[in-house]
Structure formats: structure tokens, C-alpha cells
Amino acid sequence: MLSPLIRRPRRNSEPRSKERGVTMALVAITIVALISMAALSIDIGTLYQAKAEAQRAADAAALTAARVISISGITGDPANSTSSWQLVCGGTSSPATQAATFVAEQKLTGTPVPYTVNVYYGTNAGVGTDTDCSAEGSAFGVNPIVMVTVQRTNLPIFFAKIFSLFNSTYSGASVSASATAEAFNPSASNTVGSSGTVIPVQPRCVKPWIIPNIDPTTGKAFVTVANGSINNAGVSQLGAGVIGENFNITADCHHNRANCSGGNMIANPPTSAASLIHYVPALVTGTPTAVPSCASADTFQEASGGCDQGTVYACGVQQGNQADLNENPVNPNGLNGDTGTAVQCLTNSTAGPDQLHFASFPFQIQAGSGNPLVKGRVVSSGNVITTSNSIVTIPIYDNTPNTNTLAGTQPYVTIVGFLQVFIQNIAANGELNVYVLNVAGCGNGLTTTVSSSPAFGTSPVPVRLITPP
């Protein structure tokens, strides 16, 4: 067959050789994009994780330092008259700073990168770079503030190292975090700031043992009912003061005694004398939680051995709480009574209770063999710890004449403050031997049934983070 005289031009007749290498260029661009995405997803993820770890370390460290300040009792010496502040948070070698640094380091354990932990002290007026709290003014005794900063430097950056091609020098990244915590003592808080009013506290897990406002060591009131100020401020181991005082606590009457019935309690009000203070049972209105199985016989025993968050101890509110004199005939006293049974269970007294070393200040708490942390092998017996089930909060009621009559089976009382004590041991007759760790007062000036702005916490000197999330 002869070929046609006229040929039609073929489409796409250009040679494909001109398209060679395009695929390689696209692959190269894609690789660069993938590496960039890897740098963003992995390296930035690493920085975010490091930032989160640093923040957790700072939060835990600030709370730990504030906790050490709270249980040390230095807010019970608001004037720093015995130089107690110096012994607790006076510089880098002080217990509060060392505890904060140790906790921060524990949170950062396992990382090879360098880090720096700094602990600073101040008041609600501001925290600067003061590492010694003893230089702070009187406001520190009411509202100590702790700020912890954690900085991690030379963090490993992997994929982003490729960009060093465009920069002759390369340095690791760094992250930092800070946290601020406070330990607030309401005693005479009307003298600090511009409000001029006492700010009450409303602690949770308060033990239902209402004691009169009488210090058995001095015979004077624990707190001034006008503004909640501490009457005998200071540390007894450093000269004089309520912090570190040692006395016994017992129920106001015994089982089967005639004057234990509620109607006759007006003739037998709680007293305080000869290093012994009597209490009346509080009316437990909530449902106790975290109750150990060995202290669950009745509601009062559960509140004594566990945590009663539901019963509101409205500090400073006139007639804001009630006693439960019906509990007296049930025998709250005695080693096998409600209080004795609960305390033995709470403090692990038979297995080996924690011990407070009180001879010198600041006090140290050593873990006993019955401590849950020891049984869980978190710490060893004899190790120094910063918290213990032997630390309890006890309400103080206004026993001013004509204020509370204690008439009837469930009389109303006014709570004017709280004691934070360490239960050292329990005697065969059920008396509790305690050491005072701190005092918080709020007075009796509030008129509402529940304060509009109380400070909450699990202790009479609440500890909390105040940095925004």
C-alpha cells in the first residue's frame, strides 16, 4: 500500500526526553517537606513535653515548700520573734528550699539534660528574687508565698539539626516553668492588706473533738476572739510560744457517769488544766470518706479515723456548729472507745506509728514501720517525711461566758479557730498526747451562717497553688 500523500500531524509529538528528572525533583522537595514536618511534630513535641515536665516539677516543688512552712508552725510566730523563719526557709540550705529542690529533681529524674531549680519567697504583695524568707515583713507570717522556677537547657533537638546547614552555629533549645504556692494563716488577717476584715478558713477532714479556747499550758486563750490573733505566738523550743507545746486531750466525761447526759453538761463544761484539755464530740453531719476498716463502728468513729469532708466547721460564724452530747454516753473515751479505736487505726499505733522529733526546731517527722509509704516500699522506716496521718486538725470553740451554754443534747457553739497537732501516742486510758504544730484563728465576728469567702484546704493553714493554669 502506498503511503498517503498528506499525513495528519500526531498529537503530543514532542519528545518525552524533556520531562526526564522531574520525578527526582518532586521526591527531593517531598523529602524536605517530610523532614520539616518531622521537625515540627517530633522536636516541637519534645519541647512541649519538656515544658510540661518542668511545670509539673515546679508545681510539686512549690506545694512542697508551702507544706513545709505550714506544718513547721512559723505562721504561729508571725513576728519572727524567735528567728524561727530563718530555720525553716532561710536560704538555699533551709528545709523548705531543700525539700522543694528535692521534689523538683525527683520529677525530672531520668533526663540527662541540665536543669536549674530556684526557690524564692515573698508575700501576696509580690515575690522577687529573695531566697531567704527571714528578710520578709510581718505579712509573710500571715500569708507566706513561695515561687519555684525550673529551667531546662540544651534539650536534644533531632530532626531540626538539618537546618544547621543554613547556620554555622547550633545550640540546644531550653524551656522554663514557674509555680507559686501559698500557705495562708487567717490569724489577725485583718491587719494585712486593705480589707480590714478577718478572712476565715474552712478546713476539711477536721476531727470531731471540739476543745475550749483555753491553752492548758498557759491558762490563756489560744486565740483572741475579736480578730483571731494568736495569744501566745512563738515556738516553745526556741524560748516561748504555743508552737511545740505538749499536752494531753481527753473526752470531757466517761461512760455511765450521770453528768454525761446532754441536759447536765452545762454543769460540767469542758475544762483545761494541768496539761490536760477536755473535748466534747462534734455533731457529724456529713458522710465520712477514706474510712479504714478498723474504725467503722459508727459515724463518730468514722469521722475520727477517716475524712469527714461533709461536716462544715464554719470558723467565726456565731453559733455555726453543734456539739453532740449524745455521743458521750456511747463512750468516746478509753482506749477501746470511739476516739481511742479510731486513733489507733489512724496512726497505725500497733504496727509502728510515725514519730515527731520535737526536741529542736524545726520539727522532723520520721516514718514508722506501720506507715503506708513504708509498707509500699516508697520510703524506709525512719526516713524523714513531710506529711503523716498523725497530723490532725481540731476545732476550738468560743467558751466565753454567756456565749455558749452547752445546754441540750446538741448545743450550738461558735468555732473561733483550729489547732493542728501531731498525735505522738495514745495512753491506756485513751488520752491523746499531742504536740502543737500550728494555730489558726478567725475570731467570732462573722454574723452570716456561712462565710462568703473562706479559704479552703485540708489543714487550718491551707496550702494551694495560686498561679493561673
Protein backbone atom coordinates (compact mmCIF):
# COMPACT_ATOMS: atom_id res chain seq x y z
CA MET A 1 0.00 0.00 0.00
CA LEU A 2 1.20 3.38 -0.96
CA SER A 3 1.61 5.90 1.88
CA PRO A 4 -0.78 8.82 1.83
CA LEU A 5 0.35 11.92 0.15
CA ILE A 6 -0.86 14.06 3.09
CA ARG A 7 -0.13 12.99 6.67
CA ARG A 8 -2.00 14.29 9.64
CA PRO A 9 0.22 15.56 12.46
CA ARG A 10 0.25 13.36 15.59
CA ARG A 11 -0.77 14.83 18.87
CA ASN A 12 1.84 15.04 21.71
CA SER A 13 4.51 14.61 19.24
CA GLU A 14 7.10 16.42 21.44
CA PRO A 15 9.81 14.10 22.63
CA ARG A 16 9.35 12.91 26.28
CA SER A 17 13.02 13.21 26.94
CA LYS A 18 12.41 16.79 28.05
CA GLU A 19 10.43 15.52 31.12
CA ARG A 20 13.26 13.41 32.49
CA GLY A 21 14.34 14.30 36.13
CA VAL A 22 11.03 15.87 37.19
CA THR A 23 10.23 12.92 39.42
CA MET A 24 13.54 13.21 41.24
CA ALA A 25 12.93 16.90 41.86
CA LEU A 26 9.48 16.19 43.27
CA VAL A 27 10.88 13.47 45.52
CA ALA A 28 13.59 15.82 46.78
CA ILE A 29 11.02 18.51 47.56
CA THR A 30 8.82 15.95 49.30
CA ILE A 31 11.72 14.71 51.43
CA VAL A 32 12.47 18.27 52.55
CA ALA A 33 8.80 18.78 53.40
CA LEU A 34 8.68 15.50 55.34
CA ILE A 35 11.79 16.41 57.30
CA SER A 36 10.32 19.80 58.09
CA MET A 37 7.10 18.18 59.29
CA ALA A 38 9.14 15.71 61.37
CA ALA A 39 10.99 18.62 62.94
CA LEU A 40 7.69 20.26 63.81
CA SER A 41 5.97 17.11 65.10
CA ILE A 42 8.87 15.50 66.97
CA ASP A 43 11.07 18.38 68.04
CA ILE A 44 8.25 20.71 68.98
CA GLY A 45 6.57 17.75 70.69
CA THR A 46 9.77 17.21 72.65
CA LEU A 47 9.77 20.85 73.72
CA TYR A 48 6.13 20.68 74.78
CA GLN A 49 6.77 17.53 76.79
CA ALA A 50 9.81 19.08 78.43
CA LYS A 51 7.77 22.18 79.23
CA ALA A 52 5.02 20.05 80.79
CA GLU A 53 7.53 18.10 82.88
CA ALA A 54 9.16 21.31 84.06
CA GLN A 55 5.74 22.72 85.00
CA ARG A 56 4.81 19.61 86.97
CA ALA A 57 8.14 19.77 88.77
CA ALA A 58 7.65 23.45 89.61
CA ASP A 59 4.06 22.86 90.84
CA ALA A 60 5.06 19.97 93.09
CA ALA A 61 8.10 21.84 94.43
CA ALA A 62 6.13 24.99 95.28
CA LEU A 63 3.43 23.00 97.07
CA THR A 64 6.08 21.06 98.99
CA ALA A 65 7.82 24.20 100.22
CA ALA A 66 4.50 25.73 101.26
CA ARG A 67 3.59 22.49 103.02
CA VAL A 68 6.87 22.52 104.96
CA ILE A 69 6.14 26.11 106.00
CA SER A 70 2.60 25.17 107.03
CA ILE A 71 3.47 22.24 109.31
CA SER A 72 6.58 23.95 110.67
CA GLY A 73 4.43 26.41 112.59
CA ILE A 74 6.26 29.58 111.59
CA THR A 75 2.92 31.25 110.86
CA GLY A 76 2.32 30.71 114.56
CA ASP A 77 5.20 33.13 115.11
CA PRO A 78 4.07 35.95 112.79
CA ALA A 79 6.53 38.47 114.19
CA ASN A 80 9.53 36.15 113.67
CA SER A 81 10.39 36.99 117.25
CA THR A 82 12.32 33.78 117.81
CA SER A 83 14.02 33.77 114.38
CA SER A 84 12.05 30.66 113.55
CA TRP A 85 11.65 31.74 109.93
CA GLN A 86 15.39 31.55 109.35
CA LEU A 87 15.41 27.92 110.49
CA VAL A 88 12.66 26.89 108.06
CA CYS A 89 13.09 28.91 104.88
CA GLY A 90 16.18 31.00 105.44
CA GLY A 91 18.24 30.36 102.33
CA THR A 92 19.25 27.56 100.00
CA SER A 93 20.22 25.19 102.83
CA SER A 94 16.90 25.60 104.69
CA PRO A 95 14.44 22.67 104.96
CA ALA A 96 11.74 24.31 102.82
CA THR A 97 14.13 25.12 99.98
CA GLN A 98 15.84 21.75 100.12
CA ALA A 99 12.51 19.91 100.14
CA ALA A 100 11.33 21.89 97.12
CA THR A 101 14.56 21.26 95.24
CA PHE A 102 14.49 17.55 96.03
CA VAL A 103 10.90 17.14 94.82
CA ALA A 104 11.65 19.05 91.61
CA GLU A 105 14.68 16.85 90.96
CA GLN A 106 12.61 13.72 91.55
CA LYS A 107 10.10 14.88 88.96
CA LEU A 108 12.93 15.45 86.47
CA THR A 109 14.76 12.20 87.15
CA GLY A 110 15.68 10.21 84.06
CA THR A 111 16.55 13.16 81.88
CA PRO A 112 20.21 13.80 81.05
CA VAL A 113 19.72 17.46 80.17
CA PRO A 114 20.86 20.16 82.60
CA TYR A 115 18.28 21.97 84.71
CA THR A 116 18.20 24.71 87.32
CA VAL A 117 15.78 24.99 90.26
CA ASN A 118 15.35 28.27 92.15
CA VAL A 119 13.12 28.90 95.19
CA TYR A 120 12.03 32.42 96.11
CA TYR A 121 9.89 33.77 98.96
CA GLY A 122 7.54 36.72 99.29
CA THR A 123 4.03 37.82 100.20
CA ASN A 124 0.80 38.46 98.33
CA ALA A 125 2.29 41.87 97.51
CA GLY A 126 4.76 40.12 95.23
CA VAL A 127 7.66 37.67 95.01
CA GLY A 128 11.03 38.85 93.80
CA THR A 129 14.35 37.04 93.99
CA ASP A 130 14.59 36.76 97.77
CA THR A 131 15.85 33.26 98.66
CA ASP A 132 15.74 33.99 102.41
CA CYS A 133 12.25 34.35 103.92
CA SER A 134 13.55 35.79 107.18
CA ALA A 135 14.05 39.09 105.37
CA GLU A 136 10.31 39.39 104.65
CA GLY A 137 7.97 41.59 106.67
CA SER A 138 5.13 40.71 109.03
CA ALA A 139 2.79 39.92 106.12
CA PHE A 140 4.84 36.77 105.49
CA GLY A 141 3.71 35.39 108.86
CA VAL A 142 0.09 35.50 107.72
CA ASN A 143 0.37 34.67 104.04
CA PRO A 144 3.74 33.10 103.06
CA ILE A 145 4.24 32.84 99.31
CA VAL A 146 6.72 30.50 97.60
CA MET A 147 7.71 30.70 93.93
CA VAL A 148 9.73 27.94 92.26
CA THR A 149 11.28 28.26 88.82
CA VAL A 150 12.60 25.31 86.82
CA GLN A 151 14.71 25.79 83.70
CA ARG A 152 15.94 23.00 81.40
CA THR A 153 18.67 23.84 78.92
CA ASN A 154 20.33 22.13 75.95
CA LEU A 155 17.34 19.97 75.16
CA PRO A 156 18.10 17.42 72.41
CA ILE A 157 16.73 18.51 69.04
CA PHE A 158 16.99 15.77 66.41
CA PHE A 159 15.42 16.44 63.00
CA ALA A 160 15.78 20.19 63.25
CA LYS A 161 19.56 19.79 63.21
CA ILE A 162 19.37 19.67 59.44
CA PHE A 163 18.76 23.39 59.49
CA SER A 164 22.28 23.88 60.85
CA LEU A 165 23.25 23.74 57.19
CA PHE A 166 21.96 27.27 56.97
CA ASN A 167 23.58 28.36 60.22
CA SER A 168 27.20 27.83 61.14
CA THR A 169 26.35 27.51 64.84
CA TYR A 170 23.76 25.30 66.55
CA SER A 171 22.66 25.38 70.20
CA GLY A 172 20.12 23.22 72.05
CA ALA A 173 16.75 24.61 72.99
CA SER A 174 15.63 25.45 76.53
CA VAL A 175 12.31 25.61 78.39
CA SER A 176 11.33 27.12 81.72
CA ALA A 177 8.35 26.97 84.09
CA SER A 178 7.35 28.62 87.34
CA ALA A 179 4.76 27.96 90.02
CA THR A 180 3.63 29.94 93.06
CA ALA A 181 2.04 28.46 96.16
CA GLU A 182 0.83 29.97 99.42
CA ALA A 183 0.25 28.84 102.99
CA PHE A 184 -2.48 31.08 104.37
CA ASN A 185 -2.99 31.60 108.11
CA PRO A 186 -6.10 33.71 108.82
CA SER A 187 -4.98 34.75 112.31
CA ALA A 188 -5.23 38.55 112.52
CA SER A 189 -5.52 38.69 108.72
CA ASN A 190 -7.43 41.95 109.11
CA THR A 191 -4.09 43.65 109.82
CA VAL A 192 -2.70 42.70 106.40
CA GLY A 193 -3.91 44.36 103.24
CA SER A 194 -6.59 46.98 102.85
CA SER A 195 -9.75 44.97 103.55
CA GLY A 196 -9.53 45.30 107.31
CA THR A 197 -11.55 42.12 107.81
CA VAL A 198 -10.57 38.70 109.08
CA ILE A 199 -10.55 36.09 106.33
CA PRO A 200 -11.77 32.80 107.84
CA VAL A 201 -10.67 29.32 106.90
CA GLN A 202 -12.88 26.29 106.43
CA PRO A 203 -10.64 23.22 106.58
CA ARG A 204 -11.86 19.77 105.61
CA CYS A 205 -11.26 16.46 107.37
CA VAL A 206 -11.44 18.12 110.79
CA LYS A 207 -11.59 15.69 113.71
CA PRO A 208 -14.86 15.91 115.71
CA TRP A 209 -13.20 16.86 119.01
CA ILE A 210 -14.28 20.39 120.00
CA ILE A 211 -11.94 21.88 122.61
CA PRO A 212 -12.43 25.09 124.62
CA ASN A 213 -10.38 28.17 123.84
CA ILE A 214 -8.04 27.59 126.78
CA ASP A 215 -4.36 26.74 126.41
CA PRO A 216 -3.68 24.12 129.14
CA THR A 217 -0.03 25.18 129.30
CA THR A 218 -0.58 28.88 129.99
CA GLY A 219 -4.23 29.01 131.07
CA LYS A 220 -4.86 31.74 128.49
CA ALA A 221 -6.94 31.63 125.34
CA PHE A 222 -5.41 30.07 122.24
CA VAL A 223 -6.77 32.88 120.05
CA THR A 224 -8.31 36.29 120.61
CA VAL A 225 -11.99 36.09 119.79
CA ALA A 226 -12.03 39.67 118.45
CA ASN A 227 -9.78 39.05 115.43
CA GLY A 228 -8.40 35.52 115.74
CA SER A 229 -4.86 36.63 116.58
CA ILE A 230 -2.64 34.10 118.36
CA ASN A 231 -2.25 34.96 122.03
CA ASN A 232 0.95 33.08 122.79
CA ALA A 233 2.74 33.38 119.45
CA GLY A 234 6.15 31.82 119.08
CA VAL A 235 7.90 28.49 119.38
CA SER A 236 8.31 26.93 122.80
CA GLN A 237 11.53 25.12 121.82
CA LEU A 238 13.09 28.48 120.98
CA GLY A 239 12.04 30.20 124.19
CA ALA A 240 8.27 30.61 124.49
CA GLY A 241 5.17 30.16 122.41
CA VAL A 242 2.28 27.86 121.63
CA ILE A 243 4.03 26.08 118.75
CA GLY A 244 5.62 22.91 120.08
CA GLU A 245 3.58 22.80 123.28
CA ASN A 246 2.83 19.31 124.57
CA PHE A 247 -0.35 18.29 126.40
CA ASN A 248 -3.00 15.58 126.56
CA ILE A 249 -6.51 15.60 125.12
CA THR A 250 -9.35 13.53 126.53
CA ALA A 251 -13.13 13.31 126.35
CA ASP A 252 -14.95 15.53 128.83
CA CYS A 253 -16.69 12.68 130.62
CA HIS A 254 -16.74 8.93 130.84
CA HIS A 255 -19.27 6.24 130.11
CA ASN A 256 -22.20 5.82 132.52
CA ARG A 257 -21.48 8.98 134.51
CA ALA A 258 -24.66 10.91 135.28
CA ASN A 259 -23.34 14.30 134.19
CA CYS A 260 -22.59 12.98 130.71
CA SER A 261 -26.20 13.38 129.63
CA GLY A 262 -26.72 16.43 127.46
CA GLY A 263 -29.01 18.36 129.77
CA ASN A 264 -26.47 18.29 132.58
CA MET A 265 -23.42 19.28 130.55
CA ILE A 266 -23.96 22.92 131.46
CA ALA A 267 -22.82 21.98 134.96
CA ASN A 268 -19.78 20.19 133.54
CA PRO A 269 -18.40 22.23 130.63
CA PRO A 270 -15.10 21.25 129.01
CA THR A 271 -12.13 22.41 131.02
CA SER A 272 -8.40 22.78 130.63
CA ALA A 273 -5.89 22.37 133.39
CA ALA A 274 -2.65 20.64 134.34
CA SER A 275 -1.59 19.95 130.72
CA LEU A 276 -4.90 18.23 130.03
CA ILE A 277 -7.67 19.61 127.86
CA HIS A 278 -11.16 18.14 127.58
CA TYR A 279 -13.24 17.98 124.42
CA VAL A 280 -16.88 17.48 123.58
CA PRO A 281 -17.85 15.48 120.47
CA ALA A 282 -18.92 17.44 117.42
CA LEU A 283 -22.16 16.65 115.62
CA VAL A 284 -21.08 14.80 112.48
CA THR A 285 -23.46 15.85 109.70
CA GLY A 286 -21.54 14.56 106.70
CA THR A 287 -20.63 11.14 105.42
CA PRO A 288 -17.00 10.33 106.26
CA THR A 289 -14.80 9.01 103.46
CA ALA A 290 -11.47 7.19 103.33
CA VAL A 291 -12.55 5.33 106.45
CA PRO A 292 -10.24 2.45 107.42
CA SER A 293 -11.97 -0.84 108.12
CA CYS A 294 -10.72 -0.83 111.71
CA ALA A 295 -12.61 2.41 112.54
CA SER A 296 -16.08 1.97 111.06
CA ALA A 297 -18.28 1.09 114.03
CA ASP A 298 -20.34 4.31 113.90
CA THR A 299 -20.36 7.75 112.28
CA PHE A 300 -18.36 9.45 115.04
CA GLN A 301 -15.68 6.76 114.89
CA GLU A 302 -15.60 7.01 111.09
CA ALA A 303 -15.14 10.80 111.28
CA SER A 304 -12.33 10.34 113.81
CA GLY A 305 -10.49 7.69 111.82
CA GLY A 306 -11.28 8.85 108.29
CA CYS A 307 -12.01 12.11 106.49
CA ASP A 308 -15.29 13.91 107.15
CA GLN A 309 -15.48 16.46 104.36
CA GLY A 310 -19.23 16.97 104.71
CA THR A 311 -19.34 18.49 108.20
CA VAL A 312 -18.74 22.21 107.82
CA TYR A 313 -16.76 23.83 110.64
CA ALA A 314 -17.69 27.42 109.89
CA CYS A 315 -14.95 29.39 111.62
CA GLY A 316 -16.07 32.73 113.06
CA VAL A 317 -19.78 32.15 112.44
CA GLN A 318 -21.91 32.77 115.51
CA GLN A 319 -23.48 29.51 116.67
CA GLY A 320 -22.39 27.95 113.39
CA ASN A 321 -21.69 24.44 114.66
CA GLN A 322 -23.09 21.91 117.07
CA ALA A 323 -21.75 19.53 119.66
CA ASP A 324 -23.22 16.04 120.02
CA LEU A 325 -23.53 15.26 123.69
CA ASN A 326 -25.39 12.07 122.88
CA GLU A 327 -22.00 10.67 121.91
CA ASN A 328 -20.70 10.93 125.49
CA PRO A 329 -22.75 8.02 126.87
CA VAL A 330 -21.53 5.93 123.91
CA ASN A 331 -18.09 6.23 125.48
CA PRO A 332 -15.84 8.33 123.21
CA ASN A 333 -13.13 7.94 125.86
CA GLY A 334 -10.97 4.98 126.74
CA LEU A 335 -8.54 3.01 124.64
CA ASN A 336 -11.39 0.92 123.23
CA GLY A 337 -13.83 3.81 122.88
CA ASP A 338 -14.71 5.53 119.62
CA THR A 339 -11.83 8.01 119.75
CA GLY A 340 -9.26 5.53 121.03
CA THR A 341 -10.16 2.90 118.45
CA ALA A 342 -10.11 5.42 115.60
CA VAL A 343 -6.80 6.99 116.64
CA GLN A 344 -5.07 3.62 116.96
CA CYS A 345 -6.26 2.80 113.47
CA LEU A 346 -5.43 6.22 112.04
CA THR A 347 -1.88 6.41 113.40
CA ASN A 348 -1.00 2.71 112.94
CA SER A 349 -0.08 2.66 116.61
CA THR A 350 0.11 -1.13 116.87
CA ALA A 351 2.19 -1.63 113.69
CA GLY A 352 4.54 1.28 114.35
CA PRO A 353 3.35 4.92 114.32
CA ASP A 354 5.16 7.90 112.86
CA GLN A 355 7.19 9.88 115.37
CA LEU A 356 7.71 13.62 115.80
CA HIS A 357 11.17 14.70 116.88
CA PHE A 358 10.30 17.76 118.92
CA ALA A 359 13.46 18.45 120.94
CA SER A 360 14.69 21.04 118.46
CA PHE A 361 13.11 23.29 115.87
CA PRO A 362 12.21 22.81 113.08
CA PHE A 363 10.48 19.56 113.96
CA GLN A 364 11.04 16.43 111.92
CA ILE A 365 8.58 13.61 111.27
CA GLN A 366 10.03 10.14 110.86
CA ALA A 367 8.05 7.39 109.17
CA GLY A 368 7.08 4.48 111.40
CA SER A 369 7.06 0.86 110.31
CA GLY A 370 3.25 0.98 110.05
CA ASN A 371 3.24 3.94 107.66
CA PRO A 372 1.58 3.03 104.32
CA LEU A 373 4.57 4.54 102.45
CA VAL A 374 6.89 2.19 104.31
CA LYS A 375 4.67 -0.81 103.64
CA GLY A 376 4.55 0.20 99.98
CA ARG A 377 8.37 0.50 99.96
CA VAL A 378 8.23 4.11 98.85
CA VAL A 379 10.29 5.18 101.87
CA SER A 380 12.09 3.28 104.61
CA SER A 381 11.21 3.26 108.28
CA GLY A 382 12.92 6.18 109.97
CA ASN A 383 13.04 8.35 106.84
CA VAL A 384 12.04 11.99 107.26
CA ILE A 385 8.64 12.72 105.70
CA THR A 386 6.61 15.91 105.26
CA THR A 387 3.14 14.53 105.95
CA SER A 388 1.60 11.96 108.25
CA ASN A 389 -1.79 10.59 109.29
CA SER A 390 -0.79 11.53 112.83
CA ILE A 391 -1.23 15.21 111.91
CA VAL A 392 -4.84 16.18 112.66
CA THR A 393 -6.93 19.35 112.88
CA ILE A 394 -9.02 20.08 115.96
CA PRO A 395 -11.67 22.85 116.23
CA ILE A 396 -11.57 25.44 119.02
CA TYR A 397 -14.90 26.77 120.30
CA ASP A 398 -15.68 30.07 122.00
CA ASN A 399 -16.10 29.27 125.67
CA THR A 400 -16.64 32.90 126.68
CA PRO A 401 -19.33 33.07 129.41
CA ASN A 402 -22.86 33.64 128.09
CA THR A 403 -21.72 32.76 124.57
CA ASN A 404 -22.19 29.00 124.57
CA THR A 405 -24.26 27.30 127.25
CA LEU A 406 -23.83 23.71 126.08
CA ALA A 407 -27.44 23.15 127.10
CA GLY A 408 -29.38 20.36 125.43
CA THR A 409 -28.12 17.27 123.68
CA GLN A 410 -26.92 19.08 120.54
CA PRO A 411 -25.98 22.60 121.66
CA TYR A 412 -24.75 25.24 119.23
CA VAL A 413 -21.19 26.53 119.54
CA THR A 414 -19.05 29.12 117.74
CA ILE A 415 -15.79 27.90 116.26
CA VAL A 416 -13.09 30.58 116.67
CA GLY A 417 -10.04 28.72 115.44
CA PHE A 418 -8.24 25.44 114.88
CA LEU A 419 -5.25 23.59 116.26
CA GLN A 420 -3.03 21.50 114.04
CA VAL A 421 -1.43 18.86 116.25
CA PHE A 422 0.68 15.74 115.93
CA ILE A 423 -0.60 12.74 117.87
CA GLN A 424 2.55 11.32 119.43
CA ASN A 425 0.87 8.43 121.22
CA ILE A 426 -2.32 7.26 122.94
CA ALA A 427 -2.30 6.20 126.58
CA ALA A 428 -4.03 3.17 128.08
CA ASN A 429 -6.83 5.40 129.39
CA GLY A 430 -7.45 6.84 125.93
CA GLU A 431 -5.75 10.20 126.45
CA LEU A 432 -4.06 11.57 123.35
CA ASN A 433 -0.60 13.03 123.80
CA VAL A 434 -0.16 15.77 121.20
CA TYR A 435 2.29 18.46 120.08
CA VAL A 436 1.03 21.72 118.60
CA LEU A 437 2.28 22.27 115.05
CA ASN A 438 0.23 25.34 114.20
CA VAL A 439 -2.67 27.54 115.29
CA ALA A 440 -5.19 29.34 113.12
CA GLY A 441 -7.74 31.79 114.50
CA CYS A 442 -10.65 33.62 112.93
CA GLY A 443 -12.47 35.16 115.90
CA ASN A 444 -16.23 35.27 116.37
CA GLY A 445 -17.11 38.40 114.39
CA LEU A 446 -18.91 36.88 111.40
CA THR A 447 -22.68 37.05 111.51
CA THR A 448 -23.69 35.00 108.46
CA THR A 449 -24.33 31.28 108.69
CA VAL A 450 -21.60 30.52 106.16
CA SER A 451 -18.75 32.88 105.31
CA SER A 452 -18.92 34.30 101.80
CA SER A 453 -15.20 33.94 101.13
CA PRO A 454 -13.47 31.36 103.33
CA ALA A 455 -10.12 29.83 102.43
CA PHE A 456 -10.48 26.09 101.90
CA GLY A 457 -7.95 23.36 102.47
CA THR A 458 -7.24 20.13 104.29
CA SER A 459 -5.47 21.91 107.13
CA PRO A 460 -6.11 25.03 109.23
CA VAL A 461 -3.32 26.70 107.25
CA PRO A 462 -4.42 25.92 103.69
CA VAL A 463 -1.77 25.24 101.09
CA ARG A 464 -2.63 25.85 97.45
CA LEU A 465 -1.23 26.86 94.09
CA ILE A 466 -2.12 30.42 93.13
CA THR A 467 -0.53 30.57 89.68
CA PRO A 468 -3.05 30.55 86.85
CA PRO A 469 -3.18 27.30 84.85
